[in-house]
């Protein structure tokens, strides 16, 4: 096991936060994540993408909880609305629809149609 100094621990958790955020965003965008590798047989199931999103959300919340317990700042990795979603802890439709604030609803719809 590595001997982490406080500075190394900060860097380590920032990397984990960024990784969990990217993984959640990839799940939202229906892109490949490690979840497909773990459960390749589920890819054909209609509920697969919901499971994948909940797994990614749980990972993100777990990393945030550990960072908080260790006194590591995590909020500056996210925008204000994302922080609100994370502190709310519940993965609601609002989180799925509004995670990317720069995306307008019409823009999202046109991307889905393409």
PDB file of N, CA and C in Angstrom:
ATOM      1  N   UNK A   1       0.843  -1.178   0.000  1.00  0.00           N
ATOM      2  CA  UNK A   1       0.000   0.000   0.000  1.00  0.00           C
ATOM      3  C   UNK A   1       0.886   1.239   0.000  1.00  0.00           C
ATOM      4  N   UNK A   2       0.448   2.219  -0.773  1.00  0.00           N
ATOM      5  CA  UNK A   2       1.223   3.449  -0.870  1.00  0.00           C
ATOM      6  C   UNK A   2       1.115   4.258   0.415  1.00  0.00           C
ATOM      7  N   UNK A   3       2.184   4.997   0.683  1.00  0.00           N
ATOM      8  CA  UNK A   3       2.184   5.918   1.823  1.00  0.00           C
ATOM      9  C   UNK A   3       1.837   7.304   1.276  1.00  0.00           C
ATOM     10  N   UNK A   4       0.597   7.716   1.475  1.00  0.00           N
ATOM     11  CA  UNK A   4       0.136   8.991   0.947  1.00  0.00           C
ATOM     12  C   UNK A   4       0.397  10.116   1.929  1.00  0.00           C
ATOM     13  N   UNK A   5       1.005  11.179   1.434  1.00  0.00           N
ATOM     14  CA  UNK A   5       1.030  12.417   2.209  1.00  0.00           C
ATOM     15  C   UNK A   5      -0.291  13.110   1.934  1.00  0.00           C
ATOM     16  N   UNK A   6      -0.613  14.126   2.686  1.00  0.00           N
ATOM     17  CA  UNK A   6      -1.881  14.833   2.469  1.00  0.00           C
ATOM     18  C   UNK A   6      -1.952  15.385   1.043  1.00  0.00           C
ATOM     19  N   UNK A   7      -0.826  15.893   0.535  1.00  0.00           N
ATOM     20  CA  UNK A   7      -0.801  16.437  -0.824  1.00  0.00           C
ATOM     21  C   UNK A   7      -1.064  15.337  -1.849  1.00  0.00           C
ATOM     22  N   UNK A   8      -0.419  14.187  -1.688  1.00  0.00           N
ATOM     23  CA  UNK A   8      -0.640  13.075  -2.602  1.00  0.00           C
ATOM     24  C   UNK A   8      -2.075  12.574  -2.531  1.00  0.00           C
ATOM     25  N   UNK A   9      -2.653  12.600  -1.351  1.00  0.00           N
ATOM     26  CA  UNK A   9      -4.035  12.172  -1.161  1.00  0.00           C
ATOM     27  C   UNK A   9      -4.988  13.108  -1.901  1.00  0.00           C
ATOM     28  N   UNK A  10      -4.697  14.405  -1.842  1.00  0.00           N
ATOM     29  CA  UNK A  10      -5.509  15.389  -2.578  1.00  0.00           C
ATOM     30  C   UNK A  10      -5.468  15.090  -4.076  1.00  0.00           C
ATOM     31  N   UNK A  11      -4.280  14.888  -4.600  1.00  0.00           N
ATOM     32  CA  UNK A  11      -4.109  14.610  -6.023  1.00  0.00           C
ATOM     33  C   UNK A  11      -4.816  13.305  -6.388  1.00  0.00           C
ATOM     34  N   UNK A  12      -4.640  12.290  -5.571  1.00  0.00           N
ATOM     35  CA  UNK A  12      -5.265  10.990  -5.794  1.00  0.00           C
ATOM     36  C   UNK A  12      -6.789  11.131  -5.874  1.00  0.00           C
ATOM     37  N   UNK A  13      -7.403  11.843  -4.922  1.00  0.00           N
ATOM     38  CA  UNK A  13      -8.852  11.962  -4.909  1.00  0.00           C
ATOM     39  C   UNK A  13      -9.358  12.875  -6.021  1.00  0.00           C
ATOM     40  N   UNK A  14      -8.597  13.869  -6.389  1.00  0.00           N
ATOM     41  CA  UNK A  14      -9.003  14.708  -7.529  1.00  0.00           C
ATOM     42  C   UNK A  14      -9.051  13.862  -8.806  1.00  0.00           C
ATOM     43  N   UNK A  15      -8.070  12.992  -8.974  1.00  0.00           N
ATOM     44  CA  UNK A  15      -8.073  12.099 -10.139  1.00  0.00           C
ATOM     45  C   UNK A  15      -9.265  11.149 -10.087  1.00  0.00           C
ATOM     46  N   UNK A  16      -9.571  10.622  -8.909  1.00  0.00           N
ATOM     47  CA  UNK A  16     -10.714   9.715  -8.746  1.00  0.00           C
ATOM     48  C   UNK A  16     -12.032  10.451  -8.999  1.00  0.00           C
ATOM     49  N   UNK A  17     -12.124  11.702  -8.527  1.00  0.00           N
ATOM     50  CA  UNK A  17     -13.321  12.505  -8.776  1.00  0.00           C
ATOM     51  C   UNK A  17     -13.518  12.756 -10.257  1.00  0.00           C
ATOM     52  N   UNK A  18     -12.448  13.143 -10.927  1.00  0.00           N
ATOM     53  CA  UNK A  18     -12.537  13.392 -12.372  1.00  0.00           C
ATOM     54  C   UNK A  18     -12.924  12.117 -13.110  1.00  0.00           C
ATOM     55  N   UNK A  19     -12.337  11.000 -12.712  1.00  0.00           N
ATOM     56  CA  UNK A  19     -12.661   9.724 -13.349  1.00  0.00           C
ATOM     57  C   UNK A  19     -14.111   9.335 -13.135  1.00  0.00           C
ATOM     58  N   UNK A  20     -14.616   9.504 -11.923  1.00  0.00           N
ATOM     59  CA  UNK A  20     -16.011   9.174 -11.626  1.00  0.00           C
ATOM     60  C   UNK A  20     -16.961  10.105 -12.378  1.00  0.00           C
ATOM     61  N   UNK A  21     -16.578  11.373 -12.494  1.00  0.00           N
ATOM     62  CA  UNK A  21     -17.404  12.331 -13.232  1.00  0.00           C
ATOM     63  C   UNK A  21     -17.452  11.956 -14.713  1.00  0.00           C
ATOM     64  N   UNK A  22     -16.315  11.658 -15.290  1.00  0.00           N
ATOM     65  CA  UNK A  22     -16.257  11.266 -16.700  1.00  0.00           C
ATOM     66  C   UNK A  22     -17.057   9.987 -16.922  1.00  0.00           C
ATOM     67  N   UNK A  23     -16.919   9.031 -16.022  1.00  0.00           N
ATOM     68  CA  UNK A  23     -17.649   7.766 -16.147  1.00  0.00           C
ATOM     69  C   UNK A  23     -19.162   8.011 -16.103  1.00  0.00           C
ATOM     70  N   UNK A  24     -19.615   8.869 -15.194  1.00  0.00           N
ATOM     71  CA  UNK A  24     -21.041   9.186 -15.109  1.00  0.00           C
ATOM     72  C   UNK A  24     -21.503   9.883 -16.385  1.00  0.00           C
ATOM     73  N   UNK A  25     -20.715  10.825 -16.870  1.00  0.00           N
ATOM     74  CA  UNK A  25     -21.090  11.540 -18.088  1.00  0.00           C
ATOM     75  C   UNK A  25     -21.114  10.609 -19.294  1.00  0.00           C
ATOM     76  N   UNK A  26     -20.203   9.663 -19.344  1.00  0.00           N
ATOM     77  CA  UNK A  26     -20.211   8.674 -20.429  1.00  0.00           C
ATOM     78  C   UNK A  26     -21.467   7.801 -20.338  1.00  0.00           C
ATOM     79  N   UNK A  27     -21.861   7.453 -19.124  1.00  0.00           N
ATOM     80  CA  UNK A  27     -23.079   6.663 -18.945  1.00  0.00           C
ATOM     81  C   UNK A  27     -24.302   7.472 -19.383  1.00  0.00           C
ATOM     82  N   UNK A  28     -24.334   8.757 -19.035  1.00  0.00           N
ATOM     83  CA  UNK A  28     -25.447   9.612 -19.459  1.00  0.00           C
ATOM     84  C   UNK A  28     -25.535   9.695 -20.974  1.00  0.00           C
ATOM     85  N   UNK A  29     -24.381   9.768 -21.612  1.00  0.00           N
ATOM     86  CA  UNK A  29     -24.326   9.913 -23.064  1.00  0.00           C
ATOM     87  C   UNK A  29     -24.394   8.570 -23.797  1.00  0.00           C
ATOM     88  N   UNK A  30     -24.656   7.494 -23.051  1.00  0.00           N
ATOM     89  CA  UNK A  30     -24.753   6.133 -23.609  1.00  0.00           C
ATOM     90  C   UNK A  30     -23.472   5.713 -24.324  1.00  0.00           C
ATOM     91  N   UNK A  31     -22.341   6.132 -23.799  1.00  0.00           N
ATOM     92  CA  UNK A  31     -21.048   5.724 -24.336  1.00  0.00           C
ATOM     93  C   UNK A  31     -20.503   4.570 -23.509  1.00  0.00           C
ATOM     94  N   UNK A  32     -19.494   3.913 -24.035  1.00  0.00           N
ATOM     95  CA  UNK A  32     -18.920   2.738 -23.379  1.00  0.00           C
ATOM     96  C   UNK A  32     -18.313   3.091 -22.021  1.00  0.00           C
ATOM     97  N   UNK A  33     -18.600   2.252 -21.031  1.00  0.00           N
ATOM     98  CA  UNK A  33     -17.975   2.343 -19.710  1.00  0.00           C
ATOM     99  C   UNK A  33     -17.523   0.941 -19.313  1.00  0.00           C
ATOM    100  N   UNK A  34     -16.869   0.842 -18.173  1.00  0.00           N
ATOM    101  CA  UNK A  34     -16.430  -0.472 -17.684  1.00  0.00           C
ATOM    102  C   UNK A  34     -17.599  -1.395 -17.385  1.00  0.00           C
ATOM    103  N   UNK A  35     -18.782  -0.830 -17.201  1.00  0.00           N
ATOM    104  CA  UNK A  35     -19.959  -1.636 -16.887  1.00  0.00           C
ATOM    105  C   UNK A  35     -20.259  -2.631 -18.007  1.00  0.00           C
ATOM    106  N   UNK A  36     -20.080  -2.217 -19.260  1.00  0.00           N
ATOM    107  CA  UNK A  36     -20.287  -3.145 -20.385  1.00  0.00           C
ATOM    108  C   UNK A  36     -19.329  -4.318 -20.323  1.00  0.00           C
ATOM    109  N   UNK A  37     -18.107  -4.053 -19.884  1.00  0.00           N
ATOM    110  CA  UNK A  37     -17.113  -5.120 -19.792  1.00  0.00           C
ATOM    111  C   UNK A  37     -17.457  -6.103 -18.681  1.00  0.00           C
ATOM    112  N   UNK A  38     -18.062  -5.591 -17.607  1.00  0.00           N
ATOM    113  CA  UNK A  38     -18.433  -6.458 -16.485  1.00  0.00           C
ATOM    114  C   UNK A  38     -19.653  -7.315 -16.797  1.00  0.00           C
ATOM    115  N   UNK A  39     -20.593  -6.747 -17.543  1.00  0.00           N
ATOM    116  CA  UNK A  39     -21.856  -7.432 -17.815  1.00  0.00           C
ATOM    117  C   UNK A  39     -22.194  -7.381 -19.308  1.00  0.00           C
ATOM    118  N   UNK A  40     -21.377  -7.987 -20.146  1.00  0.00           N
ATOM    119  CA  UNK A  40     -21.623  -7.894 -21.588  1.00  0.00           C
ATOM    120  C   UNK A  40     -22.950  -8.532 -22.019  1.00  0.00           C
ATOM    121  N   UNK A  41     -23.411  -9.515 -21.288  1.00  0.00           N
ATOM    122  CA  UNK A  41     -24.659 -10.188 -21.642  1.00  0.00           C
ATOM    123  C   UNK A  41     -25.886  -9.307 -21.400  1.00  0.00           C
ATOM    124  N   UNK A  42     -25.732  -8.257 -20.612  1.00  0.00           N
ATOM    125  CA  UNK A  42     -26.871  -7.379 -20.309  1.00  0.00           C
ATOM    126  C   UNK A  42     -27.082  -6.310 -21.368  1.00  0.00           C
ATOM    127  N   UNK A  43     -26.149  -6.180 -22.265  1.00  0.00           N
ATOM    128  CA  UNK A  43     -26.205  -5.134 -23.278  1.00  0.00           C
ATOM    129  C   UNK A  43     -27.511  -5.148 -24.071  1.00  0.00           C
ATOM    130  N   UNK A  44     -28.112  -6.301 -24.215  1.00  0.00           N
ATOM    131  CA  UNK A  44     -29.341  -6.437 -24.993  1.00  0.00           C
ATOM    132  C   UNK A  44     -30.596  -6.125 -24.182  1.00  0.00           C
ATOM    133  N   UNK A  45     -30.478  -5.967 -22.893  1.00  0.00           N
ATOM    134  CA  UNK A  45     -31.633  -5.730 -22.035  1.00  0.00           C
ATOM    135  C   UNK A  45     -32.057  -4.262 -22.095  1.00  0.00           C
ATOM    136  N   UNK A  46     -33.355  -3.985 -22.179  1.00  0.00           N
ATOM    137  CA  UNK A  46     -33.816  -2.591 -22.275  1.00  0.00           C
ATOM    138  C   UNK A  46     -33.436  -1.737 -21.057  1.00  0.00           C
ATOM    139  N   UNK A  47     -33.362  -2.332 -19.895  1.00  0.00           N
ATOM    140  CA  UNK A  47     -33.060  -1.571 -18.681  1.00  0.00           C
ATOM    141  C   UNK A  47     -31.549  -1.394 -18.459  1.00  0.00           C
ATOM    142  N   UNK A  48     -30.744  -1.918 -19.361  1.00  0.00           N
ATOM    143  CA  UNK A  48     -29.289  -1.889 -19.209  1.00  0.00           C
ATOM    144  C   UNK A  48     -28.745  -0.484 -18.965  1.00  0.00           C
ATOM    145  N   UNK A  49     -29.207   0.494 -19.750  1.00  0.00           N
ATOM    146  CA  UNK A  49     -28.657   1.842 -19.631  1.00  0.00           C
ATOM    147  C   UNK A  49     -29.058   2.500 -18.322  1.00  0.00           C
ATOM    148  N   UNK A  50     -30.204   2.130 -17.759  1.00  0.00           N
ATOM    149  CA  UNK A  50     -30.574   2.639 -16.440  1.00  0.00           C
ATOM    150  C   UNK A  50     -29.650   2.068 -15.373  1.00  0.00           C
ATOM    151  N   UNK A  51     -29.400   0.761 -15.449  1.00  0.00           N
ATOM    152  CA  UNK A  51     -28.467   0.153 -14.489  1.00  0.00           C
ATOM    153  C   UNK A  51     -27.113   0.830 -14.572  1.00  0.00           C
ATOM    154  N   UNK A  52     -26.647   1.018 -15.784  1.00  0.00           N
ATOM    155  CA  UNK A  52     -25.337   1.612 -16.015  1.00  0.00           C
ATOM    156  C   UNK A  52     -25.263   3.019 -15.409  1.00  0.00           C
ATOM    157  N   UNK A  53     -26.313   3.794 -15.579  1.00  0.00           N
ATOM    158  CA  UNK A  53     -26.332   5.143 -15.014  1.00  0.00           C
ATOM    159  C   UNK A  53     -26.337   5.108 -13.492  1.00  0.00           C
ATOM    160  N   UNK A  54     -27.115   4.210 -12.927  1.00  0.00           N
ATOM    161  CA  UNK A  54     -27.155   4.119 -11.460  1.00  0.00           C
ATOM    162  C   UNK A  54     -25.822   3.651 -10.885  1.00  0.00           C
ATOM    163  N   UNK A  55     -25.155   2.750 -11.566  1.00  0.00           N
ATOM    164  CA  UNK A  55     -23.837   2.298 -11.111  1.00  0.00           C
ATOM    165  C   UNK A  55     -22.844   3.458 -11.159  1.00  0.00           C
ATOM    166  N   UNK A  56     -22.841   4.211 -12.246  1.00  0.00           N
ATOM    167  CA  UNK A  56     -21.923   5.353 -12.378  1.00  0.00           C
ATOM    168  C   UNK A  56     -22.247   6.432 -11.345  1.00  0.00           C
ATOM    169  N   UNK A  57     -23.531   6.670 -11.100  1.00  0.00           N
ATOM    170  CA  UNK A  57     -23.952   7.655 -10.094  1.00  0.00           C
ATOM    171  C   UNK A  57     -23.499   7.214  -8.709  1.00  0.00           C
ATOM    172  N   UNK A  58     -23.660   5.946  -8.402  1.00  0.00           N
ATOM    173  CA  UNK A  58     -23.229   5.417  -7.098  1.00  0.00           C
ATOM    174  C   UNK A  58     -21.722   5.562  -6.921  1.00  0.00           C
ATOM    175  N   UNK A  59     -20.978   5.292  -7.981  1.00  0.00           N
ATOM    176  CA  UNK A  59     -19.528   5.464  -7.915  1.00  0.00           C
ATOM    177  C   UNK A  59     -19.165   6.909  -7.616  1.00  0.00           C
ATOM    178  N   UNK A  60     -19.813   7.834  -8.311  1.00  0.00           N
ATOM    179  CA  UNK A  60     -19.539   9.261  -8.102  1.00  0.00           C
ATOM    180  C   UNK A  60     -19.861   9.668  -6.661  1.00  0.00           C
ATOM    181  N   UNK A  61     -21.013   9.246  -6.155  1.00  0.00           N
ATOM    182  CA  UNK A  61     -21.390   9.589  -4.780  1.00  0.00           C
ATOM    183  C   UNK A  61     -20.432   8.982  -3.766  1.00  0.00           C
ATOM    184  N   UNK A  62     -19.942   7.784  -4.034  1.00  0.00           N
ATOM    185  CA  UNK A  62     -19.005   7.125  -3.117  1.00  0.00           C
ATOM    186  C   UNK A  62     -17.684   7.884  -3.054  1.00  0.00           C
ATOM    187  N   UNK A  63     -17.165   8.280  -4.201  1.00  0.00           N
ATOM    188  CA  UNK A  63     -15.900   9.021  -4.219  1.00  0.00           C
ATOM    189  C   UNK A  63     -16.069  10.371  -3.521  1.00  0.00           C
ATOM    190  N   UNK A  64     -17.199  11.035  -3.751  1.00  0.00           N
ATOM    191  CA  UNK A  64     -17.462  12.314  -3.085  1.00  0.00           C
ATOM    192  C   UNK A  64     -17.550  12.115  -1.579  1.00  0.00           C
ATOM    193  N   UNK A  65     -18.263  11.081  -1.144  1.00  0.00           N
ATOM    194  CA  UNK A  65     -18.402  10.825   0.307  1.00  0.00           C
ATOM    195  C   UNK A  65     -17.035  10.582   0.944  1.00  0.00           C
ATOM    196  N   UNK A  66     -16.191   9.804   0.289  1.00  0.00           N
ATOM    197  CA  UNK A  66     -14.851   9.543   0.830  1.00  0.00           C
ATOM    198  C   UNK A  66     -14.019  10.819   0.868  1.00  0.00           C
ATOM    199  N   UNK A  67     -14.123  11.628  -0.166  1.00  0.00           N
ATOM    200  CA  UNK A  67     -13.392  12.896  -0.183  1.00  0.00           C
ATOM    201  C   UNK A  67     -13.849  13.784   0.976  1.00  0.00           C
ATOM    202  N   UNK A  68     -15.146  13.849   1.207  1.00  0.00           N
ATOM    203  CA  UNK A  68     -15.662  14.647   2.323  1.00  0.00           C
ATOM    204  C   UNK A  68     -15.150  14.125   3.662  1.00  0.00           C
ATOM    205  N   UNK A  69     -15.170  12.818   3.827  1.00  0.00           N
ATOM    206  CA  UNK A  69     -14.710  12.230   5.084  1.00  0.00           C
ATOM    207  C   UNK A  69     -13.231  12.510   5.332  1.00  0.00           C
ATOM    208  N   UNK A  70     -12.466  12.647   4.261  1.00  0.00           N
ATOM    209  CA  UNK A  70     -11.033  12.923   4.387  1.00  0.00           C
ATOM    210  C   UNK A  70     -10.720  14.419   4.371  1.00  0.00           C
ATOM    211  N   UNK A  71     -11.752  15.240   4.284  1.00  0.00           N
ATOM    212  CA  UNK A  71     -11.546  16.689   4.285  1.00  0.00           C
ATOM    213  C   UNK A  71     -10.959  17.211   2.992  1.00  0.00           C
ATOM    214  N   UNK A  72     -11.237  16.547   1.890  1.00  0.00           N
ATOM    215  CA  UNK A  72     -10.708  16.947   0.582  1.00  0.00           C
ATOM    216  C   UNK A  72     -11.796  17.688  -0.179  1.00  0.00           C
ATOM    217  N   UNK A  73     -11.453  18.863  -0.674  1.00  0.00           N
ATOM    218  CA  UNK A  73     -12.400  19.674  -1.427  1.00  0.00           C
ATOM    219  C   UNK A  73     -12.733  18.996  -2.753  1.00  0.00           C
ATOM    220  N   UNK A  74     -13.989  18.870  -3.052  1.00  0.00           N
ATOM    221  CA  UNK A  74     -14.413  18.218  -4.295  1.00  0.00           C
ATOM    222  C   UNK A  74     -15.306  19.106  -5.147  1.00  0.00           C
ATOM    223  N   UNK A  75     -15.906  20.115  -4.555  1.00  0.00           N
ATOM    224  CA  UNK A  75     -16.923  20.905  -5.240  1.00  0.00           C
ATOM    225  C   UNK A  75     -16.394  21.705  -6.422  1.00  0.00           C
ATOM    226  N   UNK A  76     -15.115  22.066  -6.400  1.00  0.00           N
ATOM    227  CA  UNK A  76     -14.586  22.869  -7.498  1.00  0.00           C
ATOM    228  C   UNK A  76     -14.385  22.066  -8.785  1.00  0.00           C
ATOM    229  N   UNK A  77     -14.598  20.757  -8.731  1.00  0.00           N
ATOM    230  CA  UNK A  77     -14.540  19.916  -9.934  1.00  0.00           C
ATOM    231  C   UNK A  77     -15.862  19.925 -10.701  1.00  0.00           C
ATOM    232  N   UNK A  78     -16.903  20.545 -10.106  1.00  0.00           N
ATOM    233  CA  UNK A  78     -18.245  20.516 -10.660  1.00  0.00           C
ATOM    234  C   UNK A  78     -18.819  21.923 -10.702  1.00  0.00           C
ATOM    235  N   UNK A  79     -19.824  22.123 -11.566  1.00  0.00           N
ATOM    236  CA  UNK A  79     -20.491  23.420 -11.551  1.00  0.00           C
ATOM    237  C   UNK A  79     -21.511  23.437 -10.406  1.00  0.00           C
ATOM    238  N   UNK A  80     -22.086  24.606 -10.159  1.00  0.00           N
ATOM    239  CA  UNK A  80     -22.968  24.791  -9.004  1.00  0.00           C
ATOM    240  C   UNK A  80     -24.179  23.844  -9.042  1.00  0.00           C
ATOM    241  N   UNK A  81     -24.765  23.700 -10.219  1.00  0.00           N
ATOM    242  CA  UNK A  81     -25.937  22.830 -10.341  1.00  0.00           C
ATOM    243  C   UNK A  81     -25.566  21.359 -10.106  1.00  0.00           C
ATOM    244  N   UNK A  82     -24.420  20.938 -10.610  1.00  0.00           N
ATOM    245  CA  UNK A  82     -23.973  19.560 -10.399  1.00  0.00           C
ATOM    246  C   UNK A  82     -23.710  19.295  -8.919  1.00  0.00           C
ATOM    247  N   UNK A  83     -23.137  20.264  -8.222  1.00  0.00           N
ATOM    248  CA  UNK A  83     -22.918  20.124  -6.775  1.00  0.00           C
ATOM    249  C   UNK A  83     -24.253  19.939  -6.069  1.00  0.00           C
ATOM    250  N   UNK A  84     -25.241  20.714  -6.486  1.00  0.00           N
ATOM    251  CA  UNK A  84     -26.582  20.587  -5.895  1.00  0.00           C
ATOM    252  C   UNK A  84     -27.149  19.178  -6.132  1.00  0.00           C
ATOM    253  N   UNK A  85     -26.981  18.651  -7.331  1.00  0.00           N
ATOM    254  CA  UNK A  85     -27.457  17.302  -7.634  1.00  0.00           C
ATOM    255  C   UNK A  85     -26.746  16.267  -6.767  1.00  0.00           C
ATOM    256  N   UNK A  86     -25.430  16.408  -6.659  1.00  0.00           N
ATOM    257  CA  UNK A  86     -24.635  15.442  -5.886  1.00  0.00           C
ATOM    258  C   UNK A  86     -25.014  15.484  -4.409  1.00  0.00           C
ATOM    259  N   UNK A  87     -25.166  16.677  -3.861  1.00  0.00           N
ATOM    260  CA  UNK A  87     -25.527  16.771  -2.445  1.00  0.00           C
ATOM    261  C   UNK A  87     -26.950  16.289  -2.208  1.00  0.00           C
ATOM    262  N   UNK A  88     -27.807  16.347  -3.234  1.00  0.00           N
ATOM    263  CA  UNK A  88     -29.159  15.803  -3.134  1.00  0.00           C
ATOM    264  C   UNK A  88     -29.181  14.284  -3.153  1.00  0.00           C
ATOM    265  N   UNK A  89     -28.164  13.696  -3.734  1.00  0.00           N
ATOM    266  CA  UNK A  89     -27.896  12.251  -3.769  1.00  0.00           C
ATOM    267  C   UNK A  89     -28.862  11.400  -4.576  1.00  0.00           C
ATOM    268  N   UNK A  90     -30.024  11.879  -4.910  1.00  0.00           N
ATOM    269  CA  UNK A  90     -31.004  11.068  -5.624  1.00  0.00           C
ATOM    270  C   UNK A  90     -30.852  11.295  -7.123  1.00  0.00           C
ATOM    271  N   UNK A  91     -30.730  10.214  -7.866  1.00  0.00           N
ATOM    272  CA  UNK A  91     -30.615  10.310  -9.319  1.00  0.00           C
ATOM    273  C   UNK A  91     -32.019  10.445  -9.901  1.00  0.00           C
ATOM    274  N   UNK A  92     -32.415  11.680 -10.112  1.00  0.00           N
ATOM    275  CA  UNK A  92     -33.731  11.982 -10.662  1.00  0.00           C
ATOM    276  C   UNK A  92     -33.602  12.276 -12.152  1.00  0.00           C
ATOM    277  N   UNK A  93     -34.734  12.322 -12.818  1.00  0.00           N
ATOM    278  CA  UNK A  93     -34.739  12.680 -14.230  1.00  0.00           C
ATOM    279  C   UNK A  93     -34.122  14.040 -14.473  1.00  0.00           C
ATOM    280  N   UNK A  94     -34.307  14.942 -13.506  1.00  0.00           N
ATOM    281  CA  UNK A  94     -33.736  16.288 -13.613  1.00  0.00           C
ATOM    282  C   UNK A  94     -32.216  16.220 -13.720  1.00  0.00           C
ATOM    283  N   UNK A  95     -31.600  15.323 -12.974  1.00  0.00           N
ATOM    284  CA  UNK A  95     -30.145  15.163 -13.033  1.00  0.00           C
ATOM    285  C   UNK A  95     -29.746  14.701 -14.433  1.00  0.00           C
ATOM    286  N   UNK A  96     -30.467  13.718 -14.942  1.00  0.00           N
ATOM    287  CA  UNK A  96     -30.155  13.187 -16.271  1.00  0.00           C
ATOM    288  C   UNK A  96     -30.331  14.248 -17.353  1.00  0.00           C
ATOM    289  N   UNK A  97     -31.383  15.065 -17.223  1.00  0.00           N
ATOM    290  CA  UNK A  97     -31.686  16.068 -18.243  1.00  0.00           C
ATOM    291  C   UNK A  97     -30.841  17.324 -18.136  1.00  0.00           C
ATOM    292  N   UNK A  98     -30.403  17.682 -16.922  1.00  0.00           N
ATOM    293  CA  UNK A  98     -29.752  18.976 -16.730  1.00  0.00           C
ATOM    294  C   UNK A  98     -28.301  18.885 -16.261  1.00  0.00           C
ATOM    295  N   UNK A  99     -27.691  17.724 -16.338  1.00  0.00           N
ATOM    296  CA  UNK A  99     -26.304  17.576 -15.901  1.00  0.00           C
ATOM    297  C   UNK A  99     -25.374  18.446 -16.741  1.00  0.00           C
ATOM    298  N   UNK A 100     -25.607  18.466 -18.047  1.00  0.00           N
ATOM    299  CA  UNK A 100     -24.805  19.281 -18.970  1.00  0.00           C
ATOM    300  C   UNK A 100     -25.537  20.603 -19.178  1.00  0.00           C
ATOM    301  N   UNK A 101     -25.183  21.656 -18.427  1.00  0.00           N
ATOM    302  CA  UNK A 101     -25.941  22.902 -18.512  1.00  0.00           C
ATOM    303  C   UNK A 101     -25.793  23.611 -19.852  1.00  0.00           C
ATOM    304  N   UNK A 102     -24.732  23.362 -20.573  1.00  0.00           N
ATOM    305  CA  UNK A 102     -24.513  24.054 -21.839  1.00  0.00           C
ATOM    306  C   UNK A 102     -25.368  23.482 -22.962  1.00  0.00           C
ATOM    307  N   UNK A 103     -26.013  22.355 -22.737  1.00  0.00           N
ATOM    308  CA  UNK A 103     -26.811  21.720 -23.767  1.00  0.00           C
ATOM    309  C   UNK A 103     -28.257  22.183 -23.651  1.00  0.00           C
ATOM    310  N   UNK A 104     -28.745  22.779 -24.704  1.00  0.00           N
ATOM    311  CA  UNK A 104     -30.139  23.215 -24.745  1.00  0.00           C
ATOM    312  C   UNK A 104     -31.018  22.014 -25.054  1.00  0.00           C
ATOM    313  N   UNK A 105     -32.249  22.000 -24.576  1.00  0.00           N
ATOM    314  CA  UNK A 105     -33.138  20.868 -24.844  1.00  0.00           C
ATOM    315  C   UNK A 105     -33.315  20.571 -26.331  1.00  0.00           C
ATOM    316  N   UNK A 106     -33.443  21.617 -27.187  1.00  0.00           N
ATOM    317  CA  UNK A 106     -33.597  21.371 -28.623  1.00  0.00           C
ATOM    318  C   UNK A 106     -32.336  20.747 -29.204  1.00  0.00           C
ATOM    319  N   UNK A 107     -31.183  21.194 -28.715  1.00  0.00           N
ATOM    320  CA  UNK A 107     -29.916  20.670 -29.197  1.00  0.00           C
ATOM    321  C   UNK A 107     -29.791  19.196 -28.847  1.00  0.00           C
ATOM    322  N   UNK A 108     -30.189  18.826 -27.647  1.00  0.00           N
ATOM    323  CA  UNK A 108     -30.146  17.437 -27.217  1.00  0.00           C
ATOM    324  C   UNK A 108     -31.063  16.596 -28.083  1.00  0.00           C
ATOM    325  N   UNK A 109     -32.264  17.096 -28.363  1.00  0.00           N
ATOM    326  CA  UNK A 109     -33.215  16.358 -29.176  1.00  0.00           C
ATOM    327  C   UNK A 109     -32.686  16.164 -30.584  1.00  0.00           C
ATOM    328  N   UNK A 110     -32.083  17.192 -31.170  1.00  0.00           N
ATOM    329  CA  UNK A 110     -31.552  17.044 -32.528  1.00  0.00           C
ATOM    330  C   UNK A 110     -30.394  16.066 -32.578  1.00  0.00           C
ATOM    331  N   UNK A 111     -29.589  15.998 -31.514  1.00  0.00           N
ATOM    332  CA  UNK A 111     -28.495  15.050 -31.480  1.00  0.00           C
ATOM    333  C   UNK A 111     -29.014  13.610 -31.391  1.00  0.00           C
ATOM    334  N   UNK A 112     -30.119  13.415 -30.700  1.00  0.00           N
ATOM    335  CA  UNK A 112     -30.694  12.079 -30.559  1.00  0.00           C
ATOM    336  C   UNK A 112     -31.258  11.622 -31.888  1.00  0.00           C
ATOM    337  N   UNK A 113     -31.848  12.548 -32.651  1.00  0.00           N
ATOM    338  CA  UNK A 113     -32.449  12.199 -33.925  1.00  0.00           C
ATOM    339  C   UNK A 113     -31.416  11.838 -34.982  1.00  0.00           C
ATOM    340  N   UNK A 114     -30.190  12.326 -34.852  1.00  0.00           N
ATOM    341  CA  UNK A 114     -29.159  12.082 -35.864  1.00  0.00           C
ATOM    342  C   UNK A 114     -28.652  10.692 -35.870  1.00  0.00           C
TER     343      UNK A 114
END
